[in-house]
N, C-alpha and C. Protein backbone atom coordinates (compact mmCIF):
# COMPACT_ATOMS: atom_id res chain seq x y z
N UNK A 1 0.85 -1.17 0.00
CA UNK A 1 0.00 0.00 0.00
C UNK A 1 0.89 1.23 0.00
N UNK A 2 0.70 2.11 -0.93
CA UNK A 2 1.46 3.35 -1.00
C UNK A 2 0.48 4.51 -0.95
N UNK A 3 0.64 5.34 0.05
CA UNK A 3 -0.25 6.48 0.21
C UNK A 3 0.59 7.74 0.32
N UNK A 4 0.18 8.77 -0.40
CA UNK A 4 0.90 10.03 -0.35
C UNK A 4 0.33 10.97 0.69
N UNK A 5 -0.92 10.77 1.08
CA UNK A 5 -1.56 11.65 2.05
C UNK A 5 -1.12 11.27 3.46
N UNK A 6 -1.39 12.17 4.40
CA UNK A 6 -1.10 11.87 5.80
C UNK A 6 -2.01 10.75 6.26
N UNK A 7 -1.44 9.81 7.01
CA UNK A 7 -2.19 8.65 7.48
C UNK A 7 -2.01 8.53 8.99
N UNK A 8 -3.12 8.45 9.71
CA UNK A 8 -3.04 8.24 11.15
C UNK A 8 -2.86 6.75 11.39
N UNK A 9 -1.75 6.41 12.02
CA UNK A 9 -1.37 5.02 12.22
C UNK A 9 -1.75 4.54 13.62
N UNK A 10 -1.43 5.34 14.62
CA UNK A 10 -1.70 5.00 16.01
C UNK A 10 -2.20 6.25 16.71
N UNK A 11 -2.63 6.11 17.94
CA UNK A 11 -3.16 7.24 18.69
C UNK A 11 -2.17 8.40 18.71
N UNK A 12 -2.54 9.49 18.07
CA UNK A 12 -1.70 10.68 18.07
C UNK A 12 -0.53 10.63 17.12
N UNK A 13 -0.45 9.63 16.26
CA UNK A 13 0.68 9.49 15.33
C UNK A 13 0.15 9.58 13.91
N UNK A 14 0.68 10.53 13.16
CA UNK A 14 0.33 10.67 11.76
C UNK A 14 1.60 10.59 10.93
N UNK A 15 1.60 9.71 9.96
CA UNK A 15 2.74 9.59 9.05
C UNK A 15 2.41 10.40 7.81
N UNK A 16 3.28 11.35 7.50
CA UNK A 16 3.09 12.19 6.32
C UNK A 16 4.02 11.67 5.24
N UNK A 17 3.47 11.30 4.13
CA UNK A 17 4.28 10.77 3.05
C UNK A 17 3.85 9.37 2.69
N UNK A 18 4.56 8.79 1.77
CA UNK A 18 4.21 7.47 1.25
C UNK A 18 4.50 6.39 2.28
N UNK A 19 3.59 5.46 2.40
CA UNK A 19 3.81 4.25 3.21
C UNK A 19 3.94 3.11 2.21
N UNK A 20 5.15 2.67 2.04
CA UNK A 20 5.43 1.66 1.03
C UNK A 20 5.45 0.26 1.64
N UNK A 21 5.29 -0.75 0.81
CA UNK A 21 5.34 -2.13 1.31
C UNK A 21 6.64 -2.39 2.07
N UNK A 22 6.52 -3.02 3.20
CA UNK A 22 7.69 -3.33 4.02
C UNK A 22 7.91 -2.36 5.16
N UNK A 23 7.35 -1.15 5.06
CA UNK A 23 7.53 -0.16 6.12
C UNK A 23 6.97 -0.65 7.45
N UNK A 24 5.92 -1.48 7.38
CA UNK A 24 5.28 -1.95 8.60
C UNK A 24 6.21 -2.81 9.45
N UNK A 25 7.28 -3.33 8.84
CA UNK A 25 8.26 -4.11 9.61
C UNK A 25 9.04 -3.22 10.56
N UNK A 26 9.22 -1.97 10.20
CA UNK A 26 9.96 -1.02 11.04
C UNK A 26 9.00 -0.12 11.81
N UNK A 27 7.98 0.36 11.12
CA UNK A 27 7.01 1.26 11.74
C UNK A 27 5.90 0.47 12.42
N UNK A 28 6.29 -0.33 13.38
CA UNK A 28 5.32 -1.13 14.13
C UNK A 28 4.52 -0.21 15.05
N UNK A 29 3.36 -0.64 15.50
CA UNK A 29 2.61 0.19 16.45
C UNK A 29 3.44 0.55 17.69
N UNK A 30 4.26 -0.39 18.15
CA UNK A 30 5.10 -0.12 19.32
C UNK A 30 6.15 0.94 19.01
N UNK A 31 6.78 0.84 17.85
CA UNK A 31 7.79 1.83 17.46
C UNK A 31 7.17 3.21 17.30
N UNK A 32 6.01 3.27 16.68
CA UNK A 32 5.34 4.56 16.50
C UNK A 32 4.89 5.14 17.83
N UNK A 33 4.44 4.29 18.74
CA UNK A 33 4.05 4.76 20.07
C UNK A 33 5.27 5.32 20.80
N UNK A 34 6.43 4.69 20.64
CA UNK A 34 7.66 5.18 21.26
C UNK A 34 8.04 6.55 20.70
N UNK A 35 7.99 6.69 19.39
CA UNK A 35 8.31 7.97 18.76
C UNK A 35 7.34 9.05 19.24
N UNK A 36 6.07 8.71 19.33
CA UNK A 36 5.07 9.67 19.82
C UNK A 36 5.38 10.07 21.25
N UNK A 37 5.76 9.11 22.07
CA UNK A 37 6.06 9.39 23.48
C UNK A 37 7.25 10.34 23.62
N UNK A 38 8.33 10.07 22.88
CA UNK A 38 9.50 10.95 23.03
C UNK A 38 9.24 12.32 22.42
N UNK A 39 8.40 12.39 21.38
CA UNK A 39 8.04 13.70 20.83
C UNK A 39 7.23 14.49 21.84
N UNK A 40 6.30 13.84 22.50
CA UNK A 40 5.50 14.54 23.52
C UNK A 40 6.38 15.02 24.67
N UNK A 41 7.36 14.22 25.02
CA UNK A 41 8.23 14.55 26.15
C UNK A 41 9.27 15.60 25.80
N UNK A 42 9.89 15.47 24.63
CA UNK A 42 11.02 16.32 24.28
C UNK A 42 10.78 17.25 23.09
N UNK A 43 9.61 17.18 22.47
CA UNK A 43 9.35 17.94 21.25
C UNK A 43 9.52 19.44 21.39
N UNK A 44 9.00 20.00 22.48
CA UNK A 44 9.11 21.45 22.67
C UNK A 44 10.58 21.87 22.76
N UNK A 45 11.36 21.13 23.51
CA UNK A 45 12.79 21.45 23.65
C UNK A 45 13.51 21.26 22.32
N UNK A 46 13.15 20.22 21.59
CA UNK A 46 13.76 19.98 20.28
C UNK A 46 13.52 21.15 19.35
N UNK A 47 12.28 21.66 19.35
CA UNK A 47 11.95 22.81 18.50
C UNK A 47 12.70 24.06 18.94
N UNK A 48 12.87 24.26 20.25
CA UNK A 48 13.65 25.40 20.76
C UNK A 48 15.08 25.32 20.27
N UNK A 49 15.68 24.15 20.38
CA UNK A 49 17.06 23.97 19.96
C UNK A 49 17.22 24.18 18.45
N UNK A 50 16.26 23.70 17.67
CA UNK A 50 16.33 23.90 16.22
C UNK A 50 16.19 25.37 15.86
N UNK A 51 15.34 26.10 16.56
CA UNK A 51 15.18 27.54 16.30
C UNK A 51 16.47 28.28 16.65
N UNK A 52 17.09 27.93 17.77
CA UNK A 52 18.35 28.56 18.16
C UNK A 52 19.44 28.24 17.14
N UNK A 53 19.45 27.03 16.64
CA UNK A 53 20.42 26.63 15.62
C UNK A 53 20.23 27.46 14.35
N UNK A 54 18.98 27.66 13.95
CA UNK A 54 18.69 28.47 12.76
C UNK A 54 19.17 29.90 12.95
N UNK A 55 18.99 30.46 14.14
CA UNK A 55 19.46 31.82 14.42
C UNK A 55 20.98 31.89 14.35
N UNK A 56 21.65 30.92 14.94
CA UNK A 56 23.12 30.89 14.87
C UNK A 56 23.59 30.79 13.43
N UNK A 57 22.90 29.99 12.63
CA UNK A 57 23.28 29.83 11.22
C UNK A 57 23.12 31.14 10.47
N UNK A 58 22.04 31.88 10.75
CA UNK A 58 21.83 33.19 10.11
C UNK A 58 22.99 34.12 10.42
N UNK A 59 23.41 34.15 11.68
CA UNK A 59 24.53 35.02 12.08
C UNK A 59 25.82 34.57 11.39
N UNK A 60 26.02 33.27 11.33
CA UNK A 60 27.20 32.73 10.66
C UNK A 60 27.19 33.11 9.18
N UNK A 61 26.05 32.95 8.54
CA UNK A 61 25.93 33.26 7.12
C UNK A 61 26.13 34.75 6.84
N UNK A 62 25.75 35.59 7.80
CA UNK A 62 25.89 37.04 7.63
C UNK A 62 27.33 37.49 7.84
N UNK A 63 28.16 36.63 8.36
CA UNK A 63 29.57 36.96 8.56
C UNK A 63 29.77 37.46 9.92
C-alpha cells in the first residue's frame, strides 16, 4: 500500500508521506508509540534547539 496523504497510524501518530510495502516491519505500532512518546516529552525542547540553531546559522551566514 502506497499512500501520499497523511495517514493516522496509532493514537496521536500521523505519518506524512508514502507508506510503502515493508515499512510496517519497522514502523510497528510499538515503534510509533515510542516515537510519539518521546516527541510529547522532548518535542518542545527539540523545536527550541532547532530555532536557536537556525538563528546561529543566520549570524554565521551574515559573517
